[in-house]
Amino acid sequence: MGWLWWIIIGAIAGWLAGKIMRGGGFGLLINILVGIGGAIIGGWIFGMLGLSTGDGIIGSLITALVGAVLLLWVISLFKKKG
């Protein structure tokens, strides 16, 4: 999968994770970063559990989304409540 797909899947996963976790996206650049970070985290967690979502675009999106939601959840634990 090329860099363009990483960016597209990252943007979609980050946007979806933002919708799930707080009701909105974070802007294109942050969505991409959250989605790519989520893909790394999701791939690591799924690998540790012995799970696979497949090698296609949908599998990559699911992995990135799960990881991005977990990333945002962990960040929310440390975020100060105002």
C-alpha atoms as a PDB file:
ATOM      1  CA  MET A   1       0.000   0.000   0.000  1.00  0.00           C
ATOM      2  CA  GLY A   2       1.469   3.353  -0.970  1.00  0.00           C
ATOM      3  CA  TRP A   3       1.850   6.530   1.046  1.00  0.00           C
ATOM      4  CA  LEU A   4      -1.283   7.992  -0.545  1.00  0.00           C
ATOM      5  CA  TRP A   5      -3.380   5.131   0.835  1.00  0.00           C
ATOM      6  CA  TRP A   6      -1.812   5.602   4.286  1.00  0.00           C
ATOM      7  CA  ILE A   7      -2.869   9.243   4.217  1.00  0.00           C
ATOM      8  CA  ILE A   8      -6.382   8.515   2.932  1.00  0.00           C
ATOM      9  CA  ILE A   9      -7.008   5.685   5.394  1.00  0.00           C
ATOM     10  CA  GLY A  10      -5.450   7.746   8.196  1.00  0.00           C
ATOM     11  CA  ALA A  11      -7.710  10.708   7.433  1.00  0.00           C
ATOM     12  CA  ILE A  12     -10.830   8.541   7.331  1.00  0.00           C
ATOM     13  CA  ALA A  13      -9.934   6.574  10.474  1.00  0.00           C
ATOM     14  CA  GLY A  14      -9.006   9.735  12.372  1.00  0.00           C
ATOM     15  CA  TRP A  15     -12.219  11.468  11.347  1.00  0.00           C
ATOM     16  CA  LEU A  16     -14.354   8.447  12.308  1.00  0.00           C
ATOM     17  CA  ALA A  17     -12.537   8.084  15.637  1.00  0.00           C
ATOM     18  CA  GLY A  18     -13.152  11.775  16.328  1.00  0.00           C
ATOM     19  CA  LYS A  19     -16.854  11.278  15.629  1.00  0.00           C
ATOM     20  CA  ILE A  20     -16.993   8.227  17.896  1.00  0.00           C
ATOM     21  CA  MET A  21     -15.008   9.695  20.777  1.00  0.00           C
ATOM     22  CA  ARG A  22     -16.121  13.320  20.961  1.00  0.00           C
ATOM     23  CA  GLY A  23     -18.645  13.978  18.263  1.00  0.00           C
ATOM     24  CA  GLY A  24     -16.454  15.679  15.650  1.00  0.00           C
ATOM     25  CA  GLY A  25     -13.264  15.593  13.652  1.00  0.00           C
ATOM     26  CA  PHE A  26     -10.057  17.439  14.477  1.00  0.00           C
ATOM     27  CA  GLY A  27      -9.137  18.902  11.104  1.00  0.00           C
ATOM     28  CA  LEU A  28      -7.463  17.142   8.207  1.00  0.00           C
ATOM     29  CA  LEU A  29      -3.858  17.095   9.474  1.00  0.00           C
ATOM     30  CA  ILE A  30      -4.701  15.913  13.001  1.00  0.00           C
ATOM     31  CA  ASN A  31      -7.150  13.338  11.603  1.00  0.00           C
ATOM     32  CA  ILE A  32      -4.374  11.934   9.406  1.00  0.00           C
ATOM     33  CA  LEU A  33      -1.912  11.793  12.314  1.00  0.00           C
ATOM     34  CA  VAL A  34      -4.454  10.187  14.668  1.00  0.00           C
ATOM     35  CA  GLY A  35      -5.413   7.660  11.968  1.00  0.00           C
ATOM     36  CA  ILE A  36      -1.806   6.713  11.157  1.00  0.00           C
ATOM     37  CA  GLY A  37      -0.971   6.484  14.865  1.00  0.00           C
ATOM     38  CA  GLY A  38      -4.102   4.397  15.285  1.00  0.00           C
ATOM     39  CA  ALA A  39      -3.020   2.076  12.484  1.00  0.00           C
ATOM     40  CA  ILE A  40       0.284   1.469  14.248  1.00  0.00           C
ATOM     41  CA  ILE A  41      -1.386   0.915  17.626  1.00  0.00           C
ATOM     42  CA  GLY A  42      -4.178  -1.210  16.138  1.00  0.00           C
ATOM     43  CA  GLY A  43      -1.718  -3.349  14.178  1.00  0.00           C
ATOM     44  CA  TRP A  44       0.366  -3.913  17.306  1.00  0.00           C
ATOM     45  CA  ILE A  45      -2.657  -4.795  19.472  1.00  0.00           C
ATOM     46  CA  PHE A  46      -4.231  -7.066  16.865  1.00  0.00           C
ATOM     47  CA  GLY A  47      -0.847  -8.776  16.396  1.00  0.00           C
ATOM     48  CA  MET A  48      -0.503  -9.321  20.156  1.00  0.00           C
ATOM     49  CA  LEU A  49      -3.982 -10.859  20.256  1.00  0.00           C
ATOM     50  CA  GLY A  50      -3.378 -12.965  17.144  1.00  0.00           C
ATOM     51  CA  LEU A  51      -6.241 -11.275  15.278  1.00  0.00           C
ATOM     52  CA  SER A  52      -6.294 -10.256  11.630  1.00  0.00           C
ATOM     53  CA  THR A  53      -8.634  -8.003   9.694  1.00  0.00           C
ATOM     54  CA  GLY A  54      -7.149  -8.934   6.335  1.00  0.00           C
ATOM     55  CA  ASP A  55      -4.817  -7.156   3.969  1.00  0.00           C
ATOM     56  CA  GLY A  56      -7.319  -5.014   2.073  1.00  0.00           C
ATOM     57  CA  ILE A  57      -8.401  -1.427   2.449  1.00  0.00           C
ATOM     58  CA  ILE A  58     -11.368  -2.303   4.683  1.00  0.00           C
ATOM     59  CA  GLY A  59      -9.165  -4.375   7.000  1.00  0.00           C
ATOM     60  CA  SER A  60      -6.637  -1.553   7.204  1.00  0.00           C
ATOM     61  CA  LEU A  61      -9.402   0.941   7.944  1.00  0.00           C
ATOM     62  CA  ILE A  62     -10.837  -1.238  10.727  1.00  0.00           C
ATOM     63  CA  THR A  63      -7.396  -1.711  12.281  1.00  0.00           C
ATOM     64  CA  ALA A  64      -6.640   2.019  12.087  1.00  0.00           C
ATOM     65  CA  LEU A  65     -10.064   2.944  13.467  1.00  0.00           C
ATOM     66  CA  VAL A  66      -9.775   0.632  16.471  1.00  0.00           C
ATOM     67  CA  GLY A  67      -6.286   1.923  17.203  1.00  0.00           C
ATOM     68  CA  ALA A  68      -7.331   5.563  16.751  1.00  0.00           C
ATOM     69  CA  VAL A  69     -10.279   5.169  19.124  1.00  0.00           C
ATOM     70  CA  LEU A  70      -7.956   3.602  21.698  1.00  0.00           C
ATOM     71  CA  LEU A  71      -5.425   6.403  21.178  1.00  0.00           C
ATOM     72  CA  LEU A  72      -8.068   9.088  21.697  1.00  0.00           C
ATOM     73  CA  TRP A  73      -9.416   7.267  24.744  1.00  0.00           C
ATOM     74  CA  VAL A  74      -5.952   7.146  26.358  1.00  0.00           C
ATOM     75  CA  ILE A  75      -5.410  10.831  25.548  1.00  0.00           C
ATOM     76  CA  SER A  76      -8.767  11.672  27.137  1.00  0.00           C
ATOM     77  CA  LEU A  77      -7.636   9.992  30.372  1.00  0.00           C
ATOM     78  CA  PHE A  78      -4.792  12.508  30.682  1.00  0.00           C
ATOM     79  CA  LYS A  79      -6.673  15.556  29.434  1.00  0.00           C
ATOM     80  CA  LYS A  80      -7.693  17.989  32.135  1.00  0.00           C
ATOM     81  CA  LYS A  81     -11.380  18.457  32.633  1.00  0.00           C
ATOM     82  CA  GLY A  82     -12.192  22.164  32.426  1.00  0.00           C
END
